[in-house]
Amino acid sequence: MDLRLFTNLRKDMKTYLLDIQDNLLLNKRSLIEFVFNVLKNICF
């Protein structure tokens, strides 16, 4: 299993290239976090 973490680039970080798929997920990160939070609160 491959686990990849990706975040927005900050000033003190090295630049790195993202895959197109990763870039799309990063743009939708707030929506994904919201859905996970709702699911977590419903289950517990």
N, C-alpha and C. Protein backbone atom coordinates (compact mmCIF):
# COMPACT_ATOMS: atom_id res chain seq x y z
N MET A 1 0.85 -1.17 0.00
CA MET A 1 0.00 0.00 0.00
C MET A 1 0.89 1.23 0.00
N ASP A 2 0.51 2.18 -0.80
CA ASP A 2 1.30 3.40 -0.95
C ASP A 2 0.55 4.56 -0.30
N LEU A 3 1.18 5.19 0.67
CA LEU A 3 0.59 6.33 1.35
C LEU A 3 1.39 7.57 0.99
N ARG A 4 0.71 8.53 0.39
CA ARG A 4 1.38 9.76 -0.01
C ARG A 4 0.69 10.94 0.64
N LEU A 5 1.48 11.78 1.26
CA LEU A 5 0.96 13.00 1.86
C LEU A 5 1.38 14.18 1.00
N PHE A 6 0.45 15.06 0.75
CA PHE A 6 0.81 16.24 -0.02
C PHE A 6 0.07 17.44 0.56
N THR A 7 0.76 18.56 0.58
CA THR A 7 0.22 19.79 1.16
C THR A 7 0.55 20.94 0.23
N ASN A 8 0.01 22.08 0.55
CA ASN A 8 0.36 23.29 -0.20
C ASN A 8 1.80 23.65 0.09
N LEU A 9 2.42 24.27 -0.86
CA LEU A 9 3.82 24.65 -0.74
C LEU A 9 3.94 25.92 0.10
N ARG A 10 4.89 25.89 1.03
CA ARG A 10 5.17 27.07 1.85
C ARG A 10 6.51 27.66 1.44
N LYS A 11 6.81 28.83 1.98
CA LYS A 11 8.06 29.51 1.60
C LYS A 11 9.30 28.71 1.94
N ASP A 12 9.30 28.05 3.09
CA ASP A 12 10.51 27.37 3.55
C ASP A 12 10.59 25.91 3.11
N MET A 13 9.74 25.51 2.20
CA MET A 13 9.73 24.12 1.74
C MET A 13 10.39 24.00 0.37
N LYS A 14 10.89 22.81 0.10
CA LYS A 14 11.42 22.53 -1.22
C LYS A 14 10.27 22.42 -2.22
N THR A 15 10.53 22.82 -3.43
CA THR A 15 9.50 22.66 -4.46
C THR A 15 9.51 21.21 -4.94
N TYR A 16 8.36 20.73 -5.30
CA TYR A 16 8.24 19.39 -5.83
C TYR A 16 7.05 19.34 -6.77
N LEU A 17 7.10 18.44 -7.70
CA LEU A 17 6.03 18.31 -8.68
C LEU A 17 4.98 17.34 -8.18
N LEU A 18 3.74 17.69 -8.45
CA LEU A 18 2.62 16.81 -8.10
C LEU A 18 2.04 16.20 -9.36
N ASP A 19 1.51 15.01 -9.22
CA ASP A 19 0.76 14.43 -10.32
C ASP A 19 -0.50 15.24 -10.53
N ILE A 20 -1.09 15.11 -11.68
CA ILE A 20 -2.33 15.84 -11.96
C ILE A 20 -3.42 15.42 -10.99
N GLN A 21 -3.49 14.14 -10.72
CA GLN A 21 -4.50 13.62 -9.80
C GLN A 21 -4.29 14.19 -8.39
N ASP A 22 -3.06 14.23 -7.93
CA ASP A 22 -2.75 14.79 -6.61
C ASP A 22 -3.06 16.28 -6.56
N ASN A 23 -2.78 16.96 -7.63
CA ASN A 23 -3.06 18.39 -7.68
C ASN A 23 -4.56 18.65 -7.59
N LEU A 24 -5.36 17.85 -8.26
CA LEU A 24 -6.81 17.99 -8.17
C LEU A 24 -7.31 17.72 -6.76
N LEU A 25 -6.76 16.70 -6.13
CA LEU A 25 -7.16 16.39 -4.76
C LEU A 25 -6.76 17.51 -3.80
N LEU A 26 -5.62 18.08 -4.04
CA LEU A 26 -5.17 19.18 -3.18
C LEU A 26 -6.10 20.39 -3.32
N ASN A 27 -6.57 20.62 -4.52
CA ASN A 27 -7.52 21.72 -4.72
C ASN A 27 -8.85 21.45 -4.05
N LYS A 28 -9.21 20.20 -3.90
CA LYS A 28 -10.48 19.82 -3.28
C LYS A 28 -10.30 19.39 -1.82
N ARG A 29 -9.18 19.73 -1.24
CA ARG A 29 -8.84 19.26 0.10
C ARG A 29 -9.87 19.68 1.15
N SER A 30 -10.33 20.90 1.11
CA SER A 30 -11.29 21.36 2.11
C SER A 30 -12.59 20.57 2.03
N LEU A 31 -13.03 20.26 0.84
CA LEU A 31 -14.24 19.45 0.67
C LEU A 31 -14.02 18.04 1.20
N ILE A 32 -12.88 17.46 0.91
CA ILE A 32 -12.57 16.11 1.38
C ILE A 32 -12.50 16.07 2.90
N GLU A 33 -11.85 17.06 3.51
CA GLU A 33 -11.77 17.11 4.97
C GLU A 33 -13.15 17.29 5.60
N PHE A 34 -13.99 18.08 4.97
CA PHE A 34 -15.35 18.28 5.47
C PHE A 34 -16.13 16.96 5.46
N VAL A 35 -16.04 16.24 4.36
CA VAL A 35 -16.76 14.96 4.24
C VAL A 35 -16.24 13.97 5.28
N PHE A 36 -14.95 13.87 5.46
CA PHE A 36 -14.38 12.96 6.46
C PHE A 36 -14.85 13.34 7.86
N ASN A 37 -14.89 14.62 8.15
CA ASN A 37 -15.32 15.09 9.46
C ASN A 37 -16.78 14.73 9.71
N VAL A 38 -17.63 14.93 8.72
CA VAL A 38 -19.04 14.60 8.86
C VAL A 38 -19.21 13.10 9.07
N LEU A 39 -18.51 12.31 8.28
CA LEU A 39 -18.61 10.85 8.42
C LEU A 39 -18.11 10.39 9.79
N LYS A 40 -17.05 10.99 10.26
CA LYS A 40 -16.49 10.64 11.56
C LYS A 40 -17.48 10.96 12.67
N ASN A 41 -18.14 12.10 12.58
CA ASN A 41 -19.09 12.51 13.61
C ASN A 41 -20.37 11.68 13.57
N ILE A 42 -20.75 11.22 12.41
CA ILE A 42 -21.94 10.37 12.30
C ILE A 42 -21.67 8.99 12.89
N CYS A 43 -20.50 8.46 12.63
CA CYS A 43 -20.17 7.10 13.07
C CYS A 43 -19.93 7.02 14.58
N PHE A 44 -19.50 8.10 15.20
CA PHE A 44 -19.18 8.06 16.63
C PHE A 44 -20.14 8.87 17.35
